[in-house]
Amino acid sequence: MDIEIYTFSIPAGTSCPFAVECKTTADKAWGTITDGANQKYRCYAASDEARSPQVRAARHWNFELLRRETEEEMFHRIQASIPKKAKIVRIHVSGDFFNQRYFNAWARVARSNPSILFYAYTKSLKYWIDGDETPSNLKLTASWDNSNSFVIEMKNLKYARVVFSEEEAAKLGLEIDHDDSHAYGGDESFALLIHGTQPSGSMAAKAKNKLVTAGIKHSYAR
């Protein structure tokens, strides 16, 4: 049986203060993609925004409202947006925790809804480590990046690492997640196969093409 997961998003890149290897933004007005200077692979969420003015508008609307607010105001706004029938909520299909009070607001929302499982991938490790105590129903997964790997290892954080092949995942000793079940349902680190539109001619694009040619499952449900 399919699991119904509710999601919340803000703009890719624009709201991701610690993104490096996946840094990508889609222009708010036109959707034009800008890749980061040290990008290793393109964020799939930014590509979604590039294709859809409606998606861009919704995510920027959320961001513009929240970033001006106090922690208390953010807490009440987010709390009011959670569907009453929700059992699982993914925080950020796109975006990340952009400041400490925003992280704390989500932790408070999770604490106030103990029957709901919340989960998120994040590179905002500083806010995770420095923030309010993470409730047990908020499952966080650090997004591995060469710029944050030392923090992940030092704090022994659960992480997800984007890989370019099944062989790379095996060499790292990581299982590959295809449906987010490792993120919300497990406590072990895992791998994600490269997915989404990648810059033409890049190593990421070549790796994705190999997966497609070999018929290896690498896409994720929207």
N, C-alpha and C. Protein backbone atom coordinates (compact mmCIF):
# COMPACT_ATOMS: atom_id res chain seq x y z
N MET A 1 0.84 -1.19 0.00
CA MET A 1 0.00 0.00 0.00
C MET A 1 0.88 1.25 0.00
N ASP A 2 0.54 2.23 -0.84
CA ASP A 2 1.30 3.46 -0.90
C ASP A 2 1.11 4.26 0.38
N ILE A 3 2.18 4.90 0.80
CA ILE A 3 2.14 5.74 1.99
C ILE A 3 1.92 7.17 1.54
N GLU A 4 0.93 7.84 2.13
CA GLU A 4 0.66 9.22 1.77
C GLU A 4 1.57 10.14 2.58
N ILE A 5 2.42 10.88 1.86
CA ILE A 5 3.36 11.79 2.50
C ILE A 5 3.02 13.21 2.09
N TYR A 6 2.76 14.05 3.08
CA TYR A 6 2.52 15.47 2.81
C TYR A 6 3.86 16.19 2.80
N THR A 7 3.96 17.23 1.99
CA THR A 7 5.25 17.91 1.83
C THR A 7 5.11 19.42 1.99
N PHE A 8 6.24 20.04 2.35
CA PHE A 8 6.31 21.49 2.47
C PHE A 8 7.61 21.94 1.81
N SER A 9 7.56 23.00 1.00
CA SER A 9 8.75 23.42 0.28
C SER A 9 8.92 24.94 0.23
N ILE A 10 10.16 25.34 0.12
CA ILE A 10 10.56 26.72 -0.12
C ILE A 10 11.60 26.68 -1.26
N PRO A 11 12.02 27.80 -1.82
CA PRO A 11 12.82 27.74 -3.04
C PRO A 11 14.20 27.09 -2.89
N ALA A 12 14.52 26.25 -3.86
CA ALA A 12 15.83 25.57 -3.88
C ALA A 12 16.95 26.59 -4.00
N GLY A 13 18.04 26.35 -3.30
CA GLY A 13 19.20 27.22 -3.40
C GLY A 13 19.04 28.53 -2.65
N THR A 14 18.01 29.26 -2.97
CA THR A 14 17.75 30.55 -2.34
C THR A 14 17.62 30.42 -0.83
N SER A 15 17.03 29.32 -0.39
CA SER A 15 16.80 29.10 1.05
C SER A 15 17.76 28.07 1.64
N CYS A 16 18.86 27.80 0.92
CA CYS A 16 19.79 26.76 1.35
C CYS A 16 21.15 27.39 1.66
N PRO A 17 21.34 27.92 2.88
CA PRO A 17 22.55 28.68 3.18
C PRO A 17 23.85 27.88 3.17
N PHE A 18 23.77 26.56 3.30
CA PHE A 18 24.98 25.75 3.39
C PHE A 18 25.18 24.83 2.19
N ALA A 19 24.38 25.01 1.14
CA ALA A 19 24.52 24.17 -0.06
C ALA A 19 25.80 24.54 -0.80
N VAL A 20 26.55 23.54 -1.23
CA VAL A 20 27.76 23.76 -2.02
C VAL A 20 27.73 22.86 -3.26
N GLU A 21 27.85 21.55 -3.06
CA GLU A 21 27.94 20.63 -4.19
C GLU A 21 26.66 20.53 -4.99
N CYS A 22 25.52 20.88 -4.38
CA CYS A 22 24.24 20.80 -5.08
C CYS A 22 23.64 22.18 -5.34
N LYS A 23 24.41 23.25 -5.11
CA LYS A 23 23.88 24.60 -5.17
C LYS A 23 23.31 24.93 -6.55
N THR A 24 22.01 25.18 -6.58
CA THR A 24 21.31 25.52 -7.82
C THR A 24 20.14 26.42 -7.48
N THR A 25 19.91 27.43 -8.29
CA THR A 25 18.73 28.27 -8.12
C THR A 25 18.00 28.43 -9.44
N ALA A 26 16.70 28.63 -9.35
CA ALA A 26 15.88 28.94 -10.52
C ALA A 26 15.35 30.36 -10.32
N ASP A 27 15.57 31.22 -11.30
CA ASP A 27 15.14 32.61 -11.19
C ASP A 27 13.65 32.69 -10.86
N LYS A 28 13.32 33.53 -9.88
CA LYS A 28 11.94 33.63 -9.40
C LYS A 28 10.97 33.99 -10.51
N ALA A 29 11.36 34.90 -11.38
CA ALA A 29 10.46 35.37 -12.43
C ALA A 29 10.45 34.47 -13.65
N TRP A 30 11.64 34.07 -14.11
CA TRP A 30 11.74 33.38 -15.40
C TRP A 30 12.10 31.90 -15.30
N GLY A 31 12.57 31.48 -14.16
CA GLY A 31 12.92 30.07 -14.00
C GLY A 31 14.30 29.71 -14.53
N THR A 32 15.07 30.70 -14.96
CA THR A 32 16.41 30.43 -15.49
C THR A 32 17.29 29.80 -14.41
N ILE A 33 17.94 28.69 -14.77
CA ILE A 33 18.79 27.97 -13.83
C ILE A 33 20.17 28.62 -13.70
N THR A 34 20.64 28.76 -12.45
CA THR A 34 22.01 29.18 -12.18
C THR A 34 22.67 28.12 -11.33
N ASP A 35 23.76 27.56 -11.82
CA ASP A 35 24.50 26.53 -11.10
C ASP A 35 25.59 27.17 -10.24
N GLY A 36 25.81 26.61 -9.06
CA GLY A 36 26.82 27.13 -8.15
C GLY A 36 28.23 26.92 -8.66
N ALA A 37 29.14 27.76 -8.19
CA ALA A 37 30.53 27.73 -8.66
C ALA A 37 31.21 26.40 -8.34
N ASN A 38 30.85 25.77 -7.23
CA ASN A 38 31.48 24.51 -6.81
C ASN A 38 30.52 23.33 -6.90
N GLN A 39 29.57 23.46 -7.79
CA GLN A 39 28.53 22.42 -7.92
C GLN A 39 29.10 21.12 -8.47
N LYS A 40 28.69 20.01 -7.86
CA LYS A 40 29.05 18.68 -8.34
C LYS A 40 27.87 18.05 -9.08
N TYR A 41 26.66 18.37 -8.65
CA TYR A 41 25.46 17.90 -9.32
C TYR A 41 24.35 18.91 -9.09
N ARG A 42 23.41 18.96 -10.02
CA ARG A 42 22.34 19.95 -9.97
C ARG A 42 21.19 19.46 -9.10
N CYS A 43 20.69 20.35 -8.26
CA CYS A 43 19.55 20.04 -7.40
C CYS A 43 18.31 19.80 -8.26
N TYR A 44 17.70 18.64 -8.10
CA TYR A 44 16.53 18.30 -8.90
C TYR A 44 15.36 19.23 -8.61
N ALA A 45 15.27 19.75 -7.37
CA ALA A 45 14.15 20.61 -7.00
C ALA A 45 14.19 21.93 -7.76
N ALA A 46 15.40 22.44 -8.03
CA ALA A 46 15.52 23.67 -8.81
C ALA A 46 15.05 23.45 -10.24
N SER A 47 15.30 22.27 -10.78
CA SER A 47 14.82 21.95 -12.13
C SER A 47 13.30 21.91 -12.18
N ASP A 48 12.68 21.41 -11.11
CA ASP A 48 11.22 21.42 -11.03
C ASP A 48 10.70 22.86 -11.05
N GLU A 49 11.39 23.74 -10.33
CA GLU A 49 10.98 25.15 -10.30
C GLU A 49 11.17 25.80 -11.67
N ALA A 50 12.23 25.43 -12.36
CA ALA A 50 12.49 26.01 -13.68
C ALA A 50 11.38 25.67 -14.66
N ARG A 51 10.79 24.48 -14.50
CA ARG A 51 9.74 24.04 -15.42
C ARG A 51 8.38 24.63 -15.11
N SER A 52 8.14 25.03 -13.86
CA SER A 52 6.78 25.37 -13.46
C SER A 52 6.69 26.72 -12.74
N PRO A 53 6.09 27.73 -13.37
CA PRO A 53 5.88 29.02 -12.70
C PRO A 53 5.03 28.88 -11.44
N GLN A 54 4.08 27.94 -11.44
CA GLN A 54 3.22 27.74 -10.28
C GLN A 54 4.02 27.22 -9.08
N VAL A 55 4.92 26.28 -9.35
CA VAL A 55 5.76 25.74 -8.29
C VAL A 55 6.67 26.83 -7.73
N ARG A 56 7.29 27.61 -8.61
CA ARG A 56 8.16 28.71 -8.15
C ARG A 56 7.38 29.68 -7.28
N ALA A 57 6.20 30.06 -7.75
CA ALA A 57 5.40 31.05 -7.02
C ALA A 57 5.04 30.55 -5.63
N ALA A 58 4.63 29.30 -5.53
CA ALA A 58 4.22 28.74 -4.24
C ALA A 58 5.38 28.69 -3.26
N ARG A 59 6.54 28.25 -3.75
CA ARG A 59 7.69 28.11 -2.86
C ARG A 59 8.22 29.47 -2.41
N HIS A 60 8.25 30.44 -3.32
CA HIS A 60 8.71 31.78 -2.94
C HIS A 60 7.70 32.46 -2.01
N TRP A 61 6.42 32.19 -2.20
CA TRP A 61 5.40 32.74 -1.31
C TRP A 61 5.64 32.25 0.12
N ASN A 62 5.86 30.96 0.26
CA ASN A 62 6.14 30.40 1.59
C ASN A 62 7.37 31.07 2.21
N PHE A 63 8.42 31.19 1.42
CA PHE A 63 9.69 31.72 1.92
C PHE A 63 9.57 33.19 2.33
N GLU A 64 8.92 33.99 1.49
CA GLU A 64 8.79 35.41 1.77
C GLU A 64 7.99 35.65 3.05
N LEU A 65 6.98 34.84 3.28
CA LEU A 65 6.21 34.97 4.51
C LEU A 65 7.04 34.61 5.74
N LEU A 66 7.69 33.46 5.67
CA LEU A 66 8.36 32.91 6.84
C LEU A 66 9.62 33.67 7.24
N ARG A 67 10.40 34.10 6.29
CA ARG A 67 11.70 34.67 6.65
C ARG A 67 11.59 36.01 7.37
N ARG A 68 10.43 36.64 7.32
CA ARG A 68 10.23 37.91 8.01
C ARG A 68 9.71 37.73 9.44
N GLU A 69 9.39 36.48 9.80
CA GLU A 69 8.66 36.26 11.05
C GLU A 69 9.55 35.84 12.20
N THR A 70 9.02 36.01 13.39
CA THR A 70 9.67 35.51 14.60
C THR A 70 9.47 34.00 14.67
N GLU A 71 10.21 33.36 15.56
CA GLU A 71 10.03 31.93 15.74
C GLU A 71 8.59 31.60 16.14
N GLU A 72 8.02 32.39 17.01
CA GLU A 72 6.64 32.16 17.46
C GLU A 72 5.66 32.27 16.30
N GLU A 73 5.85 33.28 15.46
CA GLU A 73 4.96 33.46 14.30
C GLU A 73 5.12 32.33 13.31
N MET A 74 6.36 31.90 13.07
CA MET A 74 6.58 30.78 12.16
C MET A 74 5.94 29.51 12.70
N PHE A 75 6.11 29.27 13.97
CA PHE A 75 5.52 28.09 14.59
C PHE A 75 4.01 28.04 14.34
N HIS A 76 3.31 29.12 14.59
CA HIS A 76 1.85 29.14 14.42
C HIS A 76 1.46 29.03 12.94
N ARG A 77 2.22 29.65 12.05
CA ARG A 77 1.90 29.57 10.62
C ARG A 77 2.06 28.13 10.12
N ILE A 78 3.18 27.51 10.47
CA ILE A 78 3.42 26.14 10.03
C ILE A 78 2.40 25.19 10.65
N GLN A 79 2.17 25.35 11.93
CA GLN A 79 1.21 24.51 12.64
C GLN A 79 -0.16 24.55 11.96
N ALA A 80 -0.59 25.72 11.55
CA ALA A 80 -1.90 25.87 10.91
C ALA A 80 -1.95 25.23 9.53
N SER A 81 -0.78 25.00 8.92
CA SER A 81 -0.75 24.45 7.56
C SER A 81 -0.70 22.93 7.53
N ILE A 82 -0.50 22.28 8.67
CA ILE A 82 -0.39 20.82 8.71
C ILE A 82 -1.78 20.19 8.59
N PRO A 83 -2.02 19.37 7.56
CA PRO A 83 -3.33 18.72 7.42
C PRO A 83 -3.65 17.83 8.62
N LYS A 84 -4.88 17.86 9.06
CA LYS A 84 -5.28 17.09 10.24
C LYS A 84 -5.12 15.59 10.03
N LYS A 85 -5.25 15.14 8.77
CA LYS A 85 -5.15 13.70 8.52
C LYS A 85 -3.72 13.23 8.24
N ALA A 86 -2.76 14.13 8.29
CA ALA A 86 -1.38 13.77 7.98
C ALA A 86 -0.81 12.77 8.98
N LYS A 87 -0.09 11.79 8.46
CA LYS A 87 0.64 10.83 9.29
C LYS A 87 2.15 11.00 9.11
N ILE A 88 2.56 11.38 7.89
CA ILE A 88 3.96 11.63 7.60
C ILE A 88 4.07 12.95 6.84
N VAL A 89 5.00 13.79 7.24
CA VAL A 89 5.24 15.07 6.57
C VAL A 89 6.72 15.18 6.24
N ARG A 90 7.02 15.41 4.96
CA ARG A 90 8.39 15.69 4.56
C ARG A 90 8.59 17.20 4.57
N ILE A 91 9.52 17.66 5.37
CA ILE A 91 9.89 19.07 5.41
C ILE A 91 10.93 19.30 4.31
N HIS A 92 10.57 20.08 3.32
CA HIS A 92 11.48 20.48 2.24
C HIS A 92 11.72 19.39 1.19
N VAL A 93 10.80 19.23 0.29
CA VAL A 93 11.16 18.59 -0.98
C VAL A 93 12.14 19.53 -1.67
N SER A 94 11.95 20.82 -1.42
CA SER A 94 12.85 21.86 -1.92
C SER A 94 13.16 22.81 -0.78
N GLY A 95 14.43 23.24 -0.69
CA GLY A 95 14.82 24.20 0.34
C GLY A 95 15.45 23.54 1.55
N ASP A 96 15.73 24.37 2.56
CA ASP A 96 16.39 23.87 3.77
C ASP A 96 16.08 24.83 4.92
N PHE A 97 16.54 24.47 6.09
CA PHE A 97 16.38 25.33 7.26
C PHE A 97 17.29 26.55 7.08
N PHE A 98 16.68 27.73 6.89
CA PHE A 98 17.46 28.89 6.48
C PHE A 98 17.95 29.75 7.64
N ASN A 99 17.43 29.54 8.84
CA ASN A 99 17.99 30.18 10.03
C ASN A 99 17.59 29.39 11.26
N GLN A 100 18.14 29.80 12.40
CA GLN A 100 17.92 29.03 13.63
C GLN A 100 16.48 29.07 14.09
N ARG A 101 15.84 30.21 14.02
CA ARG A 101 14.46 30.29 14.52
C ARG A 101 13.51 29.47 13.66
N TYR A 102 13.82 29.35 12.37
CA TYR A 102 12.99 28.52 11.48
C TYR A 102 13.14 27.04 11.84
N PHE A 103 14.38 26.61 12.09
CA PHE A 103 14.59 25.23 12.53
C PHE A 103 13.84 24.97 13.83
N ASN A 104 13.99 25.89 14.78
CA ASN A 104 13.34 25.72 16.08
C ASN A 104 11.82 25.66 15.95
N ALA A 105 11.28 26.45 15.01
CA ALA A 105 9.83 26.45 14.80
C ALA A 105 9.35 25.07 14.34
N TRP A 106 10.09 24.46 13.42
CA TRP A 106 9.71 23.12 12.95
C TRP A 106 9.84 22.09 14.07
N ALA A 107 10.89 22.20 14.89
CA ALA A 107 11.04 21.27 16.02
C ALA A 107 9.86 21.40 16.96
N ARG A 108 9.40 22.61 17.17
CA ARG A 108 8.23 22.84 18.03
C ARG A 108 6.96 22.25 17.41
N VAL A 109 6.83 22.39 16.10
CA VAL A 109 5.66 21.82 15.42
C VAL A 109 5.66 20.30 15.59
N ALA A 110 6.82 19.67 15.40
CA ALA A 110 6.91 18.21 15.57
C ALA A 110 6.56 17.82 17.00
N ARG A 111 7.07 18.58 17.94
CA ARG A 111 6.81 18.29 19.35
C ARG A 111 5.33 18.43 19.69
N SER A 112 4.66 19.34 18.99
CA SER A 112 3.23 19.59 19.25
C SER A 112 2.32 18.60 18.53
N ASN A 113 2.91 17.77 17.65
CA ASN A 113 2.14 16.78 16.89
C ASN A 113 2.80 15.41 17.00
N PRO A 114 2.82 14.82 18.18
CA PRO A 114 3.57 13.57 18.39
C PRO A 114 3.07 12.38 17.59
N SER A 115 1.85 12.45 17.07
CA SER A 115 1.32 11.34 16.27
C SER A 115 1.74 11.42 14.80
N ILE A 116 2.40 12.51 14.42
CA ILE A 116 2.85 12.69 13.04
C ILE A 116 4.35 12.50 12.97
N LEU A 117 4.82 11.78 11.96
CA LEU A 117 6.25 11.62 11.72
C LEU A 117 6.71 12.69 10.73
N PHE A 118 7.62 13.52 11.15
CA PHE A 118 8.21 14.54 10.30
C PHE A 118 9.63 14.10 9.93
N TYR A 119 10.05 14.40 8.69
CA TYR A 119 11.43 14.09 8.34
C TYR A 119 11.96 15.11 7.34
N ALA A 120 13.29 15.24 7.31
CA ALA A 120 13.92 16.21 6.43
C ALA A 120 15.35 15.82 6.15
N TYR A 121 15.81 16.16 4.94
CA TYR A 121 17.22 16.14 4.60
C TYR A 121 17.74 17.56 4.84
N THR A 122 18.96 17.70 5.35
CA THR A 122 19.44 19.05 5.61
C THR A 122 20.96 19.15 5.54
N LYS A 123 21.41 20.31 5.05
CA LYS A 123 22.82 20.68 5.14
C LYS A 123 23.02 21.77 6.18
N SER A 124 21.93 22.19 6.81
CA SER A 124 22.00 23.22 7.86
C SER A 124 22.35 22.56 9.20
N LEU A 125 23.49 21.95 9.24
CA LEU A 125 23.88 21.17 10.41
C LEU A 125 24.08 22.04 11.64
N LYS A 126 24.52 23.26 11.44
CA LYS A 126 24.70 24.18 12.57
C LYS A 126 23.39 24.38 13.32
N TYR A 127 22.29 24.57 12.59
CA TYR A 127 21.00 24.81 13.24
C TYR A 127 20.49 23.54 13.92
N TRP A 128 20.76 22.40 13.33
CA TRP A 128 20.41 21.11 13.94
C TRP A 128 21.16 20.92 15.26
N ILE A 129 22.46 21.16 15.23
CA ILE A 129 23.29 20.93 16.42
C ILE A 129 23.02 21.98 17.50
N ASP A 130 22.85 23.23 17.09
CA ASP A 130 22.66 24.33 18.04
C ASP A 130 21.21 24.55 18.46
N GLY A 131 20.27 23.89 17.77
CA GLY A 131 18.86 24.17 17.98
C GLY A 131 18.26 23.47 19.18
N ASP A 132 16.94 23.64 19.30
CA ASP A 132 16.20 22.96 20.35
C ASP A 132 16.39 21.45 20.22
N GLU A 133 16.23 20.73 21.31
CA GLU A 133 16.36 19.28 21.27
C GLU A 133 15.40 18.71 20.23
N THR A 134 15.93 17.86 19.36
CA THR A 134 15.12 17.30 18.28
C THR A 134 14.19 16.22 18.83
N PRO A 135 12.87 16.38 18.67
CA PRO A 135 11.94 15.36 19.18
C PRO A 135 12.08 14.06 18.40
N SER A 136 11.67 12.97 19.01
CA SER A 136 11.86 11.66 18.40
C SER A 136 11.07 11.47 17.11
N ASN A 137 10.00 12.26 16.91
CA ASN A 137 9.21 12.13 15.70
C ASN A 137 9.66 13.08 14.60
N LEU A 138 10.84 13.71 14.77
CA LEU A 138 11.46 14.51 13.72
C LEU A 138 12.74 13.80 13.31
N LYS A 139 12.69 13.11 12.16
CA LYS A 139 13.82 12.33 11.68
C LYS A 139 14.65 13.18 10.71
N LEU A 140 15.86 13.50 11.10
CA LEU A 140 16.73 14.33 10.28
C LEU A 140 17.84 13.50 9.65
N THR A 141 18.13 13.80 8.40
CA THR A 141 19.22 13.16 7.68
C THR A 141 20.14 14.24 7.13
N ALA A 142 21.40 14.20 7.51
CA ALA A 142 22.36 15.17 6.97
C ALA A 142 22.64 14.85 5.51
N SER A 143 22.64 15.88 4.67
CA SER A 143 22.99 15.71 3.26
C SER A 143 24.50 15.86 3.12
N TRP A 144 25.15 14.76 2.81
CA TRP A 144 26.62 14.73 2.76
C TRP A 144 27.15 15.67 1.69
N ASP A 145 28.18 16.40 2.06
CA ASP A 145 28.86 17.33 1.17
C ASP A 145 30.30 17.37 1.65
N ASN A 146 31.24 17.51 0.76
CA ASN A 146 32.63 17.58 1.20
C ASN A 146 32.88 18.75 2.16
N SER A 147 32.01 19.76 2.09
CA SER A 147 32.17 20.91 2.98
C SER A 147 31.64 20.64 4.39
N ASN A 148 30.83 19.60 4.58
CA ASN A 148 30.27 19.34 5.91
C ASN A 148 30.57 17.94 6.44
N SER A 149 31.34 17.17 5.69
CA SER A 149 31.57 15.77 6.06
C SER A 149 32.25 15.65 7.42
N PHE A 150 33.13 16.61 7.75
CA PHE A 150 33.84 16.52 9.03
C PHE A 150 32.88 16.69 10.21
N VAL A 151 31.84 17.53 10.03
CA VAL A 151 30.83 17.70 11.09
C VAL A 151 29.99 16.44 11.23
N ILE A 152 29.59 15.87 10.10
CA ILE A 152 28.81 14.64 10.12
C ILE A 152 29.56 13.54 10.86
N GLU A 153 30.85 13.40 10.54
CA GLU A 153 31.64 12.35 11.18
C GLU A 153 31.89 12.65 12.66
N MET A 154 32.18 13.92 12.97
CA MET A 154 32.47 14.29 14.35
C MET A 154 31.25 14.09 15.24
N LYS A 155 30.05 14.43 14.73
CA LYS A 155 28.83 14.33 15.52
C LYS A 155 28.10 13.00 15.30
N ASN A 156 28.65 12.15 14.43
CA ASN A 156 28.07 10.83 14.15
C ASN A 156 26.61 10.96 13.71
N LEU A 157 26.38 11.83 12.73
CA LEU A 157 25.03 12.08 12.25
C LEU A 157 24.65 11.09 11.15
N LYS A 158 23.41 10.70 11.14
CA LYS A 158 22.88 9.92 10.02
C LYS A 158 22.95 10.80 8.78
N TYR A 159 23.37 10.22 7.63
CA TYR A 159 23.50 11.04 6.43
C TYR A 159 23.05 10.30 5.17
N ALA A 160 22.79 11.09 4.15
CA ALA A 160 22.51 10.57 2.81
C ALA A 160 23.57 11.13 1.88
N ARG A 161 24.08 10.29 1.01
CA ARG A 161 25.14 10.71 0.09
C ARG A 161 24.72 10.41 -1.34
N VAL A 162 24.77 11.41 -2.19
CA VAL A 162 24.44 11.22 -3.60
C VAL A 162 25.63 10.54 -4.28
N VAL A 163 25.33 9.44 -4.98
CA VAL A 163 26.38 8.69 -5.67
C VAL A 163 26.05 8.60 -7.16
N PHE A 164 27.07 8.33 -7.95
CA PHE A 164 26.89 8.30 -9.41
C PHE A 164 26.69 6.89 -9.96
N SER A 165 26.78 5.87 -9.09
CA SER A 165 26.60 4.49 -9.56
C SER A 165 26.31 3.57 -8.39
N GLU A 166 25.78 2.40 -8.71
CA GLU A 166 25.55 1.39 -7.68
C GLU A 166 26.88 0.92 -7.10
N GLU A 167 27.90 0.88 -7.95
CA GLU A 167 29.22 0.44 -7.50
C GLU A 167 29.79 1.41 -6.46
N GLU A 168 29.58 2.71 -6.67
CA GLU A 168 30.07 3.70 -5.71
C GLU A 168 29.39 3.52 -4.36
N ALA A 169 28.08 3.27 -4.39
CA ALA A 169 27.35 3.05 -3.13
C ALA A 169 27.88 1.81 -2.41
N ALA A 170 28.12 0.74 -3.17
CA ALA A 170 28.63 -0.51 -2.58
C ALA A 170 30.00 -0.29 -1.95
N LYS A 171 30.85 0.47 -2.64
CA LYS A 171 32.19 0.73 -2.12
C LYS A 171 32.14 1.51 -0.81
N LEU A 172 31.14 2.39 -0.69
CA LEU A 172 30.97 3.19 0.52
C LEU A 172 30.23 2.43 1.61
N GLY A 173 29.70 1.25 1.26
CA GLY A 173 28.97 0.45 2.23
C GLY A 173 27.59 1.01 2.55
N LEU A 174 26.97 1.66 1.57
CA LEU A 174 25.67 2.31 1.78
C LEU A 174 24.58 1.66 0.93
N GLU A 175 23.45 1.38 1.55
CA GLU A 175 22.29 0.93 0.79
C GLU A 175 21.72 2.11 0.01
N ILE A 176 21.10 1.82 -1.13
CA ILE A 176 20.49 2.86 -1.95
C ILE A 176 19.02 2.97 -1.63
N ASP A 177 18.58 4.18 -1.35
CA ASP A 177 17.16 4.45 -1.07
C ASP A 177 16.48 4.87 -2.38
N HIS A 178 15.33 4.28 -2.67
CA HIS A 178 14.59 4.64 -3.88
C HIS A 178 13.24 5.29 -3.58
N ASP A 179 12.84 5.31 -2.31
CA ASP A 179 11.48 5.80 -2.01
C ASP A 179 11.38 6.60 -0.71
N ASP A 180 12.50 7.06 -0.19
CA ASP A 180 12.56 7.85 1.04
C ASP A 180 12.35 7.02 2.31
N SER A 181 12.16 5.72 2.18
CA SER A 181 11.91 4.91 3.37
C SER A 181 13.10 4.88 4.32
N HIS A 182 14.32 5.01 3.78
CA HIS A 182 15.49 5.07 4.64
C HIS A 182 15.52 6.39 5.42
N ALA A 183 14.95 7.43 4.82
CA ALA A 183 14.96 8.75 5.47
C ALA A 183 13.97 8.81 6.63
N TYR A 184 12.76 8.33 6.40
CA TYR A 184 11.75 8.45 7.47
C TYR A 184 11.63 7.19 8.32
N GLY A 185 12.15 6.06 7.83
CA GLY A 185 11.90 4.82 8.55
C GLY A 185 13.12 4.14 9.14
N GLY A 186 14.31 4.68 8.90
CA GLY A 186 15.51 4.01 9.38
C GLY A 186 16.46 4.95 10.11
N ASP A 187 17.46 4.36 10.73
CA ASP A 187 18.44 5.15 11.48
C ASP A 187 19.85 5.04 10.89
N GLU A 188 19.99 4.29 9.79
CA GLU A 188 21.29 4.10 9.17
C GLU A 188 21.48 5.07 8.00
N SER A 189 22.73 5.45 7.77
CA SER A 189 23.05 6.29 6.62
C SER A 189 22.82 5.52 5.33
N PHE A 190 22.64 6.23 4.22
CA PHE A 190 22.29 5.59 2.96
C PHE A 190 22.72 6.44 1.78
N ALA A 191 22.55 5.88 0.59
CA ALA A 191 22.93 6.57 -0.65
C ALA A 191 21.70 6.89 -1.48
N LEU A 192 21.83 7.92 -2.32
CA LEU A 192 20.82 8.28 -3.31
C LEU A 192 21.51 8.31 -4.67
N LEU A 193 20.95 7.61 -5.65
CA LEU A 193 21.54 7.67 -6.98
C LEU A 193 21.27 9.02 -7.62
N ILE A 194 22.22 9.51 -8.39
CA ILE A 194 22.07 10.78 -9.08
C ILE A 194 20.77 10.78 -9.89
N HIS A 195 20.03 11.89 -9.82
CA HIS A 195 18.74 11.96 -10.50
C HIS A 195 18.45 13.41 -10.86
N GLY A 196 17.42 13.61 -11.63
CA GLY A 196 17.06 14.96 -12.07
C GLY A 196 17.89 15.40 -13.27
N THR A 197 17.53 16.54 -13.84
CA THR A 197 18.25 17.09 -14.99
C THR A 197 19.62 17.58 -14.56
N GLN A 198 20.65 17.16 -15.28
CA GLN A 198 22.03 17.54 -14.93
C GLN A 198 22.66 18.38 -16.05
N PRO A 199 23.61 19.25 -15.70
CA PRO A 199 24.24 20.11 -16.72
C PRO A 199 24.87 19.29 -17.84
N SER A 200 24.60 19.69 -19.06
CA SER A 200 25.11 18.97 -20.22
C SER A 200 26.63 18.85 -20.19
N GLY A 201 27.11 17.62 -20.41
CA GLY A 201 28.54 17.38 -20.46
C GLY A 201 29.21 17.18 -19.12
N SER A 202 28.47 17.35 -18.02
CA SER A 202 29.04 17.21 -16.69
C SER A 202 29.21 15.74 -16.32
N MET A 203 30.03 15.48 -15.31
CA MET A 203 30.20 14.12 -14.81
C MET A 203 28.87 13.57 -14.31
N ALA A 204 28.06 14.44 -13.70
CA ALA A 204 26.75 14.01 -13.20
C ALA A 204 25.84 13.58 -14.36
N ALA A 205 25.86 14.35 -15.45
CA ALA A 205 25.03 14.01 -16.62
C ALA A 205 25.48 12.69 -17.24
N LYS A 206 26.79 12.49 -17.33
CA LYS A 206 27.31 11.24 -17.90
C LYS A 206 26.93 10.05 -17.02
N ALA A 207 27.00 10.24 -15.71
CA ALA A 207 26.64 9.16 -14.79
C ALA A 207 25.16 8.83 -14.90
N LYS A 208 24.32 9.86 -14.99
CA LYS A 208 22.89 9.61 -15.12
C LYS A 208 22.58 8.89 -16.42
N ASN A 209 23.23 9.28 -17.51
CA ASN A 209 23.00 8.63 -18.80
C ASN A 209 23.37 7.15 -18.74
N LYS A 210 24.42 6.82 -17.99
CA LYS A 210 24.80 5.42 -17.84
C LYS A 210 23.72 4.63 -17.10
N LEU A 211 23.12 5.26 -16.09
CA LEU A 211 22.04 4.60 -15.35
C LEU A 211 20.84 4.36 -16.26
N VAL A 212 20.52 5.37 -17.08
CA VAL A 212 19.39 5.24 -18.00
C VAL A 212 19.65 4.12 -19.01
N THR A 213 20.84 4.12 -19.58
CA THR A 213 21.20 3.11 -20.59
C THR A 213 21.16 1.71 -20.00
N ALA A 214 21.59 1.59 -18.76
CA ALA A 214 21.61 0.27 -18.09
C ALA A 214 20.25 -0.13 -17.53
N GLY A 215 19.27 0.77 -17.60
CA GLY A 215 17.94 0.47 -17.08
C GLY A 215 17.88 0.38 -15.58
N ILE A 216 18.76 1.13 -14.91
CA ILE A 216 18.81 1.10 -13.45
C ILE A 216 17.87 2.17 -12.87
N LYS A 217 17.01 1.77 -11.96
CA LYS A 217 16.06 2.70 -11.34
C LYS A 217 16.83 3.77 -10.59
N HIS A 218 16.55 5.05 -10.92
CA HIS A 218 17.26 6.13 -10.25
C HIS A 218 16.37 7.34 -10.01
N SER A 219 15.14 7.31 -10.49
CA SER A 219 14.24 8.45 -10.30
C SER A 219 13.45 8.27 -9.02
N TYR A 220 12.84 9.38 -8.59
CA TYR A 220 12.07 9.38 -7.35
C TYR A 220 10.70 9.98 -7.61
N ALA A 221 9.69 9.48 -6.92
CA ALA A 221 8.33 9.97 -7.11
C ALA A 221 8.25 11.46 -6.76
N ARG A 222 7.47 12.22 -7.50
CA ARG A 222 7.30 13.64 -7.25
C ARG A 222 6.39 13.84 -6.06
